[in-house]
Amino acid sequence: MIKRFIQLCRKFMNQHQGQAFILVLIMLLVGGLMFAPLLSFMNTGLETGWVYENKTTELYAADAVIEDGMWQIKYDELESLSSPRTYSVYDYDTVWDFELDEAVNDENVSGTISYLTRK
């Protein structure tokens, strides 16, 4: 079996009548068939990267608002933008709106603090 395969390979190598051209055409066909799915795969990867980056920046901005709100409550610095009242532990009706002093990911970020009531 192996001897017959070697004989066929030698016969094929000794006859130079356009076999390379056929081989190149087959390679071009296979490469062309793989090109479109490869581009689609790369495009999907780029879109996924953009979505991941946007969600990450949104998460960081939300975390910054939460941390700043907790700091303002802890150090009694919270004043509402919509009303002149300062934060009070027993004030269950006021909603405090505030903005961060610094931009987060080149965006101005604001937050709202209010009491949650459990039913």
Protein backbone atom coordinates (compact mmCIF):
# COMPACT_ATOMS: atom_id res chain seq x y z
CA MET A 1 0.00 0.00 0.00
CA ILE A 2 2.76 2.43 0.97
CA LYS A 3 4.82 1.40 -2.04
CA ARG A 4 1.88 2.08 -4.35
CA PHE A 5 1.37 5.53 -2.79
CA ILE A 6 5.06 6.36 -3.26
CA GLN A 7 4.86 5.23 -6.89
CA LEU A 8 1.83 7.48 -7.51
CA CYS A 9 3.62 10.43 -5.89
CA ARG A 10 6.71 9.87 -8.08
CA LYS A 11 4.55 9.58 -11.18
CA PHE A 12 2.74 12.78 -10.25
CA MET A 13 6.02 14.63 -9.57
CA ASN A 14 7.60 13.50 -12.84
CA GLN A 15 4.75 14.77 -15.01
CA HIS A 16 4.83 18.59 -15.09
CA GLN A 17 1.75 19.28 -17.17
CA GLY A 18 -0.13 21.99 -15.19
CA GLN A 19 -0.66 20.25 -11.87
CA ALA A 20 0.70 23.28 -10.01
CA PHE A 21 -1.87 25.51 -11.71
CA ILE A 22 -4.71 23.25 -10.57
CA LEU A 23 -3.26 23.20 -7.05
CA VAL A 24 -3.05 27.01 -6.99
CA LEU A 25 -6.65 27.30 -8.21
CA ILE A 26 -7.83 24.95 -5.48
CA MET A 27 -5.91 26.98 -2.87
CA LEU A 28 -7.43 30.23 -4.17
CA LEU A 29 -10.91 28.71 -4.00
CA VAL A 30 -10.41 27.52 -0.42
CA GLY A 31 -8.92 30.90 0.57
CA GLY A 32 -11.79 32.78 -1.07
CA LEU A 33 -14.36 30.64 0.71
CA MET A 34 -12.68 31.30 4.05
CA PHE A 35 -12.28 35.06 3.51
CA ALA A 36 -15.92 36.16 4.00
CA PRO A 37 -16.50 34.23 7.27
CA LEU A 38 -13.16 35.48 8.57
CA LEU A 39 -14.15 39.11 7.93
CA SER A 40 -17.51 38.50 9.58
CA PHE A 41 -15.80 36.96 12.61
CA MET A 42 -13.44 39.94 12.89
CA ASN A 43 -16.35 42.39 12.64
CA THR A 44 -18.23 40.57 15.39
CA GLY A 45 -15.15 40.69 17.59
CA LEU A 46 -14.80 44.46 17.08
CA GLU A 47 -18.48 45.09 17.88
CA THR A 48 -18.23 42.95 21.01
CA GLY A 49 -15.19 44.93 22.12
CA TRP A 50 -17.05 48.24 21.71
CA VAL A 51 -20.05 46.97 23.67
CA TYR A 52 -17.81 45.63 26.44
CA GLU A 53 -15.93 48.94 26.65
CA ASN A 54 -19.16 50.98 26.82
CA LYS A 55 -20.64 48.77 29.53
CA THR A 56 -17.41 48.98 31.53
CA THR A 57 -17.36 52.79 31.40
CA GLU A 58 -21.02 52.90 32.45
CA LEU A 59 -20.26 50.61 35.38
CA TYR A 60 -17.33 52.78 36.47
CA ALA A 61 -19.49 55.92 36.28
CA ALA A 62 -22.23 54.28 38.37
CA ASP A 63 -19.68 53.14 40.92
CA ALA A 64 -18.24 56.67 41.12
CA VAL A 65 -21.73 58.12 41.78
CA ILE A 66 -22.40 55.59 44.55
CA GLU A 67 -19.05 56.21 46.22
CA ASP A 68 -19.46 59.99 46.00
CA GLY A 69 -22.99 59.81 47.41
CA MET A 70 -21.82 57.71 50.35
CA TRP A 71 -18.97 60.14 50.98
CA GLN A 72 -21.35 63.11 50.92
CA ILE A 73 -23.70 61.42 53.41
CA LYS A 74 -20.84 60.36 55.70
CA TYR A 75 -19.29 63.83 55.86
CA ASP A 76 -22.61 65.72 55.87
CA GLU A 77 -21.89 67.48 52.59
CA LEU A 78 -25.05 66.49 50.71
CA GLU A 79 -27.21 69.35 49.50
CA SER A 80 -29.95 68.87 46.97
CA LEU A 81 -29.75 70.71 43.66
CA SER A 82 -33.54 70.92 43.52
CA SER A 83 -34.18 72.00 47.13
CA PRO A 84 -32.11 73.96 49.69
CA ARG A 85 -32.43 71.30 52.40
CA THR A 86 -29.40 69.44 53.62
CA TYR A 87 -29.38 65.71 54.31
CA SER A 88 -31.19 64.50 57.40
CA VAL A 89 -31.44 60.92 58.58
CA TYR A 90 -35.13 61.35 59.44
CA ASP A 91 -36.22 63.14 56.27
CA TYR A 92 -37.95 60.37 54.32
CA ASP A 93 -39.54 62.51 51.60
CA THR A 94 -36.75 64.63 50.11
CA VAL A 95 -34.88 63.45 47.05
CA TRP A 96 -31.31 64.72 46.83
CA ASP A 97 -29.89 65.27 43.36
CA PHE A 98 -26.18 65.90 43.04
CA GLU A 99 -23.46 66.07 40.41
CA LEU A 100 -19.89 64.87 40.67
CA ASP A 101 -17.28 67.61 40.76
CA GLU A 102 -15.02 65.79 38.30
CA ALA A 103 -15.86 64.14 35.01
CA VAL A 104 -15.83 60.35 34.91
CA ASN A 105 -14.60 58.94 31.59
CA ASP A 106 -14.98 62.43 30.08
CA GLU A 107 -18.68 62.51 30.98
CA ASN A 108 -20.52 64.62 33.55
CA VAL A 109 -22.20 62.26 35.97
CA SER A 110 -25.08 62.96 38.34
CA GLY A 111 -26.91 60.92 40.95
CA THR A 112 -30.02 60.85 43.09
CA ILE A 113 -30.33 59.75 46.70
CA SER A 114 -33.65 58.91 48.28
CA TYR A 115 -34.98 56.57 50.94
CA LEU A 116 -36.34 53.21 49.91
CA THR A 117 -39.47 52.10 51.63
CA ARG A 118 -40.10 48.43 52.15
CA LYS A 119 -43.61 47.13 52.00
